[in-house]
PDB file of N, CA and C in Angstrom:
ATOM      1  N   MET A   1     -13.866 -21.720 -32.545  1.00  0.00           N
ATOM      2  CA  MET A   1     -12.886 -22.226 -31.587  1.00  0.00           C
ATOM      3  C   MET A   1     -13.262 -23.662 -31.220  1.00  0.00           C
ATOM      4  N   ASN A   2     -14.249 -23.882 -30.396  1.00  0.00           N
ATOM      5  CA  ASN A   2     -14.790 -25.197 -30.051  1.00  0.00           C
ATOM      6  C   ASN A   2     -13.716 -26.259 -29.795  1.00  0.00           C
ATOM      7  N   THR A   3     -12.750 -25.945 -28.944  1.00  0.00           N
ATOM      8  CA  THR A   3     -11.674 -26.895 -28.652  1.00  0.00           C
ATOM      9  C   THR A   3     -11.734 -27.446 -27.241  1.00  0.00           C
ATOM     10  N   GLY A   4     -12.695 -27.025 -26.445  1.00  0.00           N
ATOM     11  CA  GLY A   4     -12.751 -27.485 -25.066  1.00  0.00           C
ATOM     12  C   GLY A   4     -14.155 -27.447 -24.528  1.00  0.00           C
ATOM     13  N   ASP A   5     -14.229 -27.177 -23.267  1.00  0.00           N
ATOM     14  CA  ASP A   5     -15.506 -27.101 -22.589  1.00  0.00           C
ATOM     15  C   ASP A   5     -16.392 -26.039 -23.239  1.00  0.00           C
ATOM     16  N   PRO A   6     -17.658 -26.334 -23.454  1.00  0.00           N
ATOM     17  CA  PRO A   6     -18.544 -25.355 -24.103  1.00  0.00           C
ATOM     18  C   PRO A   6     -18.613 -24.010 -23.370  1.00  0.00           C
ATOM     19  N   LEU A   7     -18.587 -24.008 -22.038  1.00  0.00           N
ATOM     20  CA  LEU A   7     -18.632 -22.740 -21.311  1.00  0.00           C
ATOM     21  C   LEU A   7     -17.371 -21.924 -21.584  1.00  0.00           C
ATOM     22  N   ALA A   8     -16.201 -22.587 -21.562  1.00  0.00           N
ATOM     23  CA  ALA A   8     -14.948 -21.885 -21.858  1.00  0.00           C
ATOM     24  C   ALA A   8     -14.992 -21.320 -23.271  1.00  0.00           C
ATOM     25  N   ASP A   9     -15.503 -22.104 -24.200  1.00  0.00           N
ATOM     26  CA  ASP A   9     -15.628 -21.626 -25.575  1.00  0.00           C
ATOM     27  C   ASP A   9     -16.546 -20.411 -25.646  1.00  0.00           C
ATOM     28  N   ALA A  10     -17.679 -20.484 -24.948  1.00  0.00           N
ATOM     29  CA  ALA A  10     -18.643 -19.376 -24.970  1.00  0.00           C
ATOM     30  C   ALA A  10     -18.035 -18.109 -24.377  1.00  0.00           C
ATOM     31  N   LEU A  11     -17.153 -18.273 -23.391  1.00  0.00           N
ATOM     32  CA  LEU A  11     -16.512 -17.113 -22.763  1.00  0.00           C
ATOM     33  C   LEU A  11     -15.270 -16.644 -23.520  1.00  0.00           C
ATOM     34  N   GLY A  12     -14.872 -17.419 -24.519  1.00  0.00           N
ATOM     35  CA  GLY A  12     -13.693 -17.038 -25.300  1.00  0.00           C
ATOM     36  C   GLY A  12     -12.385 -17.375 -24.612  1.00  0.00           C
ATOM     37  N   VAL A  13     -12.407 -18.324 -23.671  1.00  0.00           N
ATOM     38  CA  VAL A  13     -11.187 -18.728 -22.975  1.00  0.00           C
ATOM     39  C   VAL A  13     -10.455 -19.721 -23.866  1.00  0.00           C
ATOM     40  N   PRO A  14      -9.244 -19.380 -24.298  1.00  0.00           N
ATOM     41  CA  PRO A  14      -8.537 -20.277 -25.210  1.00  0.00           C
ATOM     42  C   PRO A  14      -8.026 -21.538 -24.516  1.00  0.00           C
ATOM     43  N   PHE A  15      -7.903 -22.603 -25.290  1.00  0.00           N
ATOM     44  CA  PHE A  15      -7.379 -23.869 -24.803  1.00  0.00           C
ATOM     45  C   PHE A  15      -5.852 -23.822 -24.904  1.00  0.00           C
ATOM     46  N   HIS A  16      -5.174 -24.194 -23.820  1.00  0.00           N
ATOM     47  CA  HIS A  16      -3.709 -24.253 -23.814  1.00  0.00           C
ATOM     48  C   HIS A  16      -3.299 -25.665 -23.445  1.00  0.00           C
ATOM     49  N   HIS A  17      -2.695 -26.361 -24.391  1.00  0.00           N
ATOM     50  CA  HIS A  17      -2.332 -27.759 -24.188  1.00  0.00           C
ATOM     51  C   HIS A  17      -1.416 -27.929 -22.973  1.00  0.00           C
ATOM     52  N   GLU A  18      -0.422 -27.064 -22.814  1.00  0.00           N
ATOM     53  CA  GLU A  18       0.526 -27.196 -21.701  1.00  0.00           C
ATOM     54  C   GLU A  18      -0.186 -27.066 -20.356  1.00  0.00           C
ATOM     55  N   THR A  19      -1.085 -26.106 -20.242  1.00  0.00           N
ATOM     56  CA  THR A  19      -1.843 -25.930 -19.003  1.00  0.00           C
ATOM     57  C   THR A  19      -2.717 -27.155 -18.751  1.00  0.00           C
ATOM     58  N   TYR A  20      -3.344 -27.660 -19.794  1.00  0.00           N
ATOM     59  CA  TYR A  20      -4.190 -28.845 -19.679  1.00  0.00           C
ATOM     60  C   TYR A  20      -3.379 -30.030 -19.154  1.00  0.00           C
ATOM     61  N   MET A  21      -2.184 -30.215 -19.683  1.00  0.00           N
ATOM     62  CA  MET A  21      -1.338 -31.332 -19.260  1.00  0.00           C
ATOM     63  C   MET A  21      -0.885 -31.154 -17.808  1.00  0.00           C
ATOM     64  N   LYS A  22      -0.490 -29.948 -17.426  1.00  0.00           N
ATOM     65  CA  LYS A  22      -0.053 -29.691 -16.051  1.00  0.00           C
ATOM     66  C   LYS A  22      -1.201 -29.903 -15.066  1.00  0.00           C
ATOM     67  N   LEU A  23      -2.387 -29.426 -15.425  1.00  0.00           N
ATOM     68  CA  LEU A  23      -3.542 -29.622 -14.553  1.00  0.00           C
ATOM     69  C   LEU A  23      -3.849 -31.102 -14.371  1.00  0.00           C
ATOM     70  N   GLY A  24      -3.743 -31.856 -15.441  1.00  0.00           N
ATOM     71  CA  GLY A  24      -3.987 -33.290 -15.357  1.00  0.00           C
ATOM     72  C   GLY A  24      -3.026 -33.970 -14.395  1.00  0.00           C
ATOM     73  N   ARG A  25      -1.736 -33.615 -14.471  1.00  0.00           N
ATOM     74  CA  ARG A  25      -0.745 -34.196 -13.560  1.00  0.00           C
ATOM     75  C   ARG A  25      -1.007 -33.766 -12.117  1.00  0.00           C
ATOM     76  N   TYR A  26      -1.373 -32.497 -11.928  1.00  0.00           N
ATOM     77  CA  TYR A  26      -1.647 -31.997 -10.580  1.00  0.00           C
ATOM     78  C   TYR A  26      -2.855 -32.717  -9.978  1.00  0.00           C
ATOM     79  N   ILE A  27      -3.918 -32.835 -10.745  1.00  0.00           N
ATOM     80  CA  ILE A  27      -5.130 -33.500 -10.251  1.00  0.00           C
ATOM     81  C   ILE A  27      -4.829 -34.951  -9.903  1.00  0.00           C
ATOM     82  N   SER A  28      -4.058 -35.611 -10.740  1.00  0.00           N
ATOM     83  CA  SER A  28      -3.678 -37.004 -10.476  1.00  0.00           C
ATOM     84  C   SER A  28      -2.881 -37.112  -9.183  1.00  0.00           C
ATOM     85  N   SER A  29      -1.985 -36.164  -8.960  1.00  0.00           N
ATOM     86  CA  SER A  29      -1.171 -36.152  -7.742  1.00  0.00           C
ATOM     87  C   SER A  29      -2.033 -35.952  -6.499  1.00  0.00           C
ATOM     88  N   VAL A  30      -2.965 -35.008  -6.568  1.00  0.00           N
ATOM     89  CA  VAL A  30      -3.853 -34.746  -5.435  1.00  0.00           C
ATOM     90  C   VAL A  30      -4.715 -35.968  -5.147  1.00  0.00           C
ATOM     91  N   ARG A  31      -5.226 -36.590  -6.174  1.00  0.00           N
ATOM     92  CA  ARG A  31      -6.047 -37.797  -5.978  1.00  0.00           C
ATOM     93  C   ARG A  31      -5.227 -38.907  -5.321  1.00  0.00           C
ATOM     94  N   GLY A  32      -3.970 -39.045  -5.733  1.00  0.00           N
ATOM     95  CA  GLY A  32      -3.095 -40.050  -5.136  1.00  0.00           C
ATOM     96  C   GLY A  32      -2.851 -39.791  -3.663  1.00  0.00           C
ATOM     97  N   GLU A  33      -2.599 -38.526  -3.315  1.00  0.00           N
ATOM     98  CA  GLU A  33      -2.378 -38.163  -1.910  1.00  0.00           C
ATOM     99  C   GLU A  33      -3.638 -38.419  -1.081  1.00  0.00           C
ATOM    100  N   GLN A  34      -4.802 -38.070  -1.651  1.00  0.00           N
ATOM    101  CA  GLN A  34      -6.053 -38.300  -0.930  1.00  0.00           C
ATOM    102  C   GLN A  34      -6.311 -39.788  -0.740  1.00  0.00           C
ATOM    103  N   ALA A  35      -5.973 -40.588  -1.742  1.00  0.00           N
ATOM    104  CA  ALA A  35      -6.163 -42.035  -1.623  1.00  0.00           C
ATOM    105  C   ALA A  35      -5.303 -42.595  -0.493  1.00  0.00           C
ATOM    106  N   LYS A  36      -4.069 -42.095  -0.355  1.00  0.00           N
ATOM    107  CA  LYS A  36      -3.193 -42.531   0.740  1.00  0.00           C
ATOM    108  C   LYS A  36      -3.797 -42.156   2.089  1.00  0.00           C
ATOM    109  N   LEU A  37      -4.316 -40.942   2.192  1.00  0.00           N
ATOM    110  CA  LEU A  37      -4.910 -40.486   3.450  1.00  0.00           C
ATOM    111  C   LEU A  37      -6.136 -41.316   3.821  1.00  0.00           C
ATOM    112  N   ARG A  38      -6.908 -41.717   2.814  1.00  0.00           N
ATOM    113  CA  ARG A  38      -8.129 -42.483   3.079  1.00  0.00           C
ATOM    114  C   ARG A  38      -7.837 -43.878   3.603  1.00  0.00           C
ATOM    115  N   ASN A  39      -6.606 -44.347   3.448  1.00  0.00           N
ATOM    116  CA  ASN A  39      -6.239 -45.663   3.972  1.00  0.00           C
ATOM    117  C   ASN A  39      -6.249 -45.684   5.492  1.00  0.00           C
ATOM    118  N   SER A  40      -6.157 -44.509   6.095  1.00  0.00           N
ATOM    119  CA  SER A  40      -6.181 -44.397   7.553  1.00  0.00           C
ATOM    120  C   SER A  40      -7.310 -43.451   7.940  1.00  0.00           C
ATOM    121  N   ALA A  41      -8.270 -43.953   8.668  1.00  0.00           N
ATOM    122  CA  ALA A  41      -9.405 -43.116   9.089  1.00  0.00           C
ATOM    123  C   ALA A  41      -8.918 -41.917   9.897  1.00  0.00           C
ATOM    124  N   GLU A  42      -7.921 -42.135  10.757  1.00  0.00           N
ATOM    125  CA  GLU A  42      -7.402 -41.037  11.584  1.00  0.00           C
ATOM    126  C   GLU A  42      -6.713 -39.975  10.730  1.00  0.00           C
ATOM    127  N   ASP A  43      -5.870 -40.397   9.764  1.00  0.00           N
ATOM    128  CA  ASP A  43      -5.202 -39.437   8.873  1.00  0.00           C
ATOM    129  C   ASP A  43      -6.213 -38.653   8.049  1.00  0.00           C
ATOM    130  N   TRP A  44      -7.261 -39.344   7.585  1.00  0.00           N
ATOM    131  CA  TRP A  44      -8.295 -38.680   6.785  1.00  0.00           C
ATOM    132  C   TRP A  44      -9.030 -37.636   7.617  1.00  0.00           C
ATOM    133  N   LYS A  45      -9.383 -37.975   8.851  1.00  0.00           N
ATOM    134  CA  LYS A  45     -10.057 -37.018   9.745  1.00  0.00           C
ATOM    135  C   LYS A  45      -9.164 -35.816  10.022  1.00  0.00           C
ATOM    136  N   LEU A  46      -7.874 -36.060  10.250  1.00  0.00           N
ATOM    137  CA  LEU A  46      -6.937 -34.954  10.496  1.00  0.00           C
ATOM    138  C   LEU A  46      -6.826 -34.047   9.271  1.00  0.00           C
ATOM    139  N   ALA A  47      -6.766 -34.638   8.085  1.00  0.00           N
ATOM    140  CA  ALA A  47      -6.662 -33.848   6.855  1.00  0.00           C
ATOM    141  C   ALA A  47      -7.915 -32.990   6.655  1.00  0.00           C
ATOM    142  N   ILE A  48      -9.074 -33.559   6.914  1.00  0.00           N
ATOM    143  CA  ILE A  48     -10.325 -32.806   6.782  1.00  0.00           C
ATOM    144  C   ILE A  48     -10.355 -31.659   7.798  1.00  0.00           C
ATOM    145  N   SER A  49      -9.964 -31.945   9.032  1.00  0.00           N
ATOM    146  CA  SER A  49      -9.941 -30.896  10.068  1.00  0.00           C
ATOM    147  C   SER A  49      -8.980 -29.782   9.705  1.00  0.00           C
ATOM    148  N   ALA A  50      -7.797 -30.149   9.196  1.00  0.00           N
ATOM    149  CA  ALA A  50      -6.807 -29.137   8.802  1.00  0.00           C
ATOM    150  C   ALA A  50      -7.336 -28.288   7.654  1.00  0.00           C
ATOM    151  N   GLY A  51      -8.009 -28.912   6.685  1.00  0.00           N
ATOM    152  CA  GLY A  51      -8.579 -28.165   5.566  1.00  0.00           C
ATOM    153  C   GLY A  51      -9.676 -27.223   6.009  1.00  0.00           C
ATOM    154  N   MET A  52     -10.524 -27.669   6.911  1.00  0.00           N
ATOM    155  CA  MET A  52     -11.604 -26.817   7.414  1.00  0.00           C
ATOM    156  C   MET A  52     -11.042 -25.640   8.200  1.00  0.00           C
ATOM    157  N   LYS A  53     -10.008 -25.889   9.020  1.00  0.00           N
ATOM    158  CA  LYS A  53      -9.394 -24.802   9.790  1.00  0.00           C
ATOM    159  C   LYS A  53      -8.748 -23.793   8.858  1.00  0.00           C
ATOM    160  N   SER A  54      -8.056 -24.283   7.831  1.00  0.00           N
ATOM    161  CA  SER A  54      -7.409 -23.391   6.872  1.00  0.00           C
ATOM    162  C   SER A  54      -8.435 -22.506   6.170  1.00  0.00           C
ATOM    163  N   SER A  55      -9.547 -23.102   5.756  1.00  0.00           N
ATOM    164  CA  SER A  55     -10.606 -22.323   5.097  1.00  0.00           C
ATOM    165  C   SER A  55     -11.195 -21.289   6.048  1.00  0.00           C
ATOM    166  N   ALA A  56     -11.453 -21.685   7.277  1.00  0.00           N
ATOM    167  CA  ALA A  56     -12.017 -20.755   8.259  1.00  0.00           C
ATOM    168  C   ALA A  56     -11.046 -19.616   8.539  1.00  0.00           C
ATOM    169  N   ASP A  57      -9.754 -19.924   8.620  1.00  0.00           N
ATOM    170  CA  ASP A  57      -8.750 -18.884   8.860  1.00  0.00           C
ATOM    171  C   ASP A  57      -8.710 -17.890   7.704  1.00  0.00           C
ATOM    172  N   ARG A  58      -8.753 -18.405   6.463  1.00  0.00           N
ATOM    173  CA  ARG A  58      -8.719 -17.509   5.300  1.00  0.00           C
ATOM    174  C   ARG A  58      -9.973 -16.652   5.244  1.00  0.00           C
ATOM    175  N   LEU A  59     -11.120 -17.240   5.536  1.00  0.00           N
ATOM    176  CA  LEU A  59     -12.364 -16.473   5.514  1.00  0.00           C
ATOM    177  C   LEU A  59     -12.381 -15.421   6.613  1.00  0.00           C
ATOM    178  N   GLY A  60     -11.892 -15.780   7.790  1.00  0.00           N
ATOM    179  CA  GLY A  60     -11.892 -14.859   8.916  1.00  0.00           C
ATOM    180  C   GLY A  60     -10.903 -13.728   8.770  1.00  0.00           C
ATOM    181  N   ALA A  61      -9.853 -13.933   7.986  1.00  0.00           N
ATOM    182  CA  ALA A  61      -8.807 -12.918   7.850  1.00  0.00           C
ATOM    183  C   ALA A  61      -9.308 -11.646   7.195  1.00  0.00           C
ATOM    184  N   GLY A  62     -10.270 -11.772   6.286  1.00  0.00           N
ATOM    185  CA  GLY A  62     -10.727 -10.600   5.556  1.00  0.00           C
ATOM    186  C   GLY A  62     -11.982  -9.970   6.123  1.00  0.00           C
ATOM    187  N   ILE A  63     -12.507 -10.531   7.182  1.00  0.00           N
ATOM    188  CA  ILE A  63     -13.765 -10.022   7.718  1.00  0.00           C
ATOM    189  C   ILE A  63     -13.497  -8.910   8.725  1.00  0.00           C
ATOM    190  N   GLY A  64     -14.261  -7.868   8.647  1.00  0.00           N
ATOM    191  CA  GLY A  64     -14.130  -6.749   9.570  1.00  0.00           C
ATOM    192  C   GLY A  64     -14.372  -5.446   8.834  1.00  0.00           C
ATOM    193  N   GLY A  65     -15.114  -4.595   9.415  1.00  0.00           N
ATOM    194  CA  GLY A  65     -15.398  -3.316   8.774  1.00  0.00           C
ATOM    195  C   GLY A  65     -16.441  -3.457   7.678  1.00  0.00           C
ATOM    196  N   GLN A  66     -16.554  -2.416   6.878  1.00  0.00           N
ATOM    197  CA  GLN A  66     -17.549  -2.392   5.807  1.00  0.00           C
ATOM    198  C   GLN A  66     -17.147  -3.302   4.657  1.00  0.00           C
ATOM    199  N   THR A  67     -18.139  -3.813   3.986  1.00  0.00           N
ATOM    200  CA  THR A  67     -17.884  -4.513   2.726  1.00  0.00           C
ATOM    201  C   THR A  67     -17.688  -3.456   1.644  1.00  0.00           C
ATOM    202  N   SER A  68     -17.151  -3.846   0.508  1.00  0.00           N
ATOM    203  CA  SER A  68     -16.983  -2.905  -0.610  1.00  0.00           C
ATOM    204  C   SER A  68     -18.334  -2.350  -1.049  1.00  0.00           C
ATOM    205  N   TYR A  69     -19.352  -3.200  -1.030  1.00  0.00           N
ATOM    206  CA  TYR A  69     -20.694  -2.765  -1.410  1.00  0.00           C
ATOM    207  C   TYR A  69     -21.186  -1.674  -0.462  1.00  0.00           C
ATOM    208  N   GLN A  70     -20.995  -1.891   0.846  1.00  0.00           N
ATOM    209  CA  GLN A  70     -21.448  -0.904   1.830  1.00  0.00           C
ATOM    210  C   GLN A  70     -20.682   0.406   1.685  1.00  0.00           C
ATOM    211  N   ALA A  71     -19.364   0.312   1.461  1.00  0.00           N
ATOM    212  CA  ALA A  71     -18.559   1.525   1.320  1.00  0.00           C
ATOM    213  C   ALA A  71     -18.944   2.298   0.068  1.00  0.00           C
ATOM    214  N   ALA A  72     -19.225   1.599  -1.025  1.00  0.00           N
ATOM    215  CA  ALA A  72     -19.629   2.272  -2.261  1.00  0.00           C
ATOM    216  C   ALA A  72     -20.969   2.974  -2.065  1.00  0.00           C
ATOM    217  N   ALA A  73     -21.886   2.303  -1.380  1.00  0.00           N
ATOM    218  CA  ALA A  73     -23.207   2.899  -1.138  1.00  0.00           C
ATOM    219  C   ALA A  73     -23.091   4.139  -0.260  1.00  0.00           C
ATOM    220  N   ALA A  74     -22.124   4.131   0.661  1.00  0.00           N
ATOM    221  CA  ALA A  74     -21.922   5.273   1.560  1.00  0.00           C
ATOM    222  C   ALA A  74     -21.040   6.347   0.937  1.00  0.00           C
ATOM    223  N   GLY A  75     -20.459   6.048  -0.241  1.00  0.00           N
ATOM    224  CA  GLY A  75     -19.583   7.016  -0.898  1.00  0.00           C
ATOM    225  C   GLY A  75     -18.192   7.087  -0.291  1.00  0.00           C
ATOM    226  N   THR A  76     -17.796   6.062   0.463  1.00  0.00           N
ATOM    227  CA  THR A  76     -16.491   6.081   1.120  1.00  0.00           C
ATOM    228  C   THR A  76     -15.548   5.016   0.559  1.00  0.00           C
ATOM    229  N   LEU A  77     -15.877   4.439  -0.602  1.00  0.00           N
ATOM    230  CA  LEU A  77     -15.068   3.370  -1.170  1.00  0.00           C
ATOM    231  C   LEU A  77     -13.753   3.914  -1.690  1.00  0.00           C
ATOM    232  N   ASP A  78     -12.644   3.362  -1.219  1.00  0.00           N
ATOM    233  CA  ASP A  78     -11.319   3.693  -1.719  1.00  0.00           C
ATOM    234  C   ASP A  78     -10.945   2.598  -2.722  1.00  0.00           C
ATOM    235  N   SER A  79     -11.015   2.903  -4.008  1.00  0.00           N
ATOM    236  CA  SER A  79     -10.798   1.877  -5.023  1.00  0.00           C
ATOM    237  C   SER A  79      -9.395   1.279  -4.970  1.00  0.00           C
ATOM    238  N   HIS A  80      -8.457   1.945  -4.319  1.00  0.00           N
ATOM    239  CA  HIS A  80      -7.095   1.412  -4.202  1.00  0.00           C
ATOM    240  C   HIS A  80      -7.035   0.254  -3.220  1.00  0.00           C
ATOM    241  N   LEU A  81      -8.028   0.107  -2.379  1.00  0.00           N
ATOM    242  CA  LEU A  81      -8.039  -0.979  -1.393  1.00  0.00           C
ATOM    243  C   LEU A  81      -8.664  -2.249  -1.943  1.00  0.00           C
ATOM    244  N   ILE A  82      -9.262  -2.164  -3.105  1.00  0.00           N
ATOM    245  CA  ILE A  82      -9.923  -3.342  -3.674  1.00  0.00           C
ATOM    246  C   ILE A  82      -8.903  -4.221  -4.342  1.00  0.00           C
TER     247      ILE A  82
END
């Protein structure tokens, strides 16, 4: 195979030209938006704060009760909930 990143090749992940092109455009777009935000220290600080809050909210949403590891060890794991 050997058409892309060595790790992807080692894992057998095939290279898809269309996905590669879309990712390139997306990354370029994100970099452009970040460059605009960096022009204003206040906008950049707000963007960082919003990103940190979003991450904390997502992390906090799933916390509570036993972990899957704990439930499996206790024999109470419901595989349909995973």
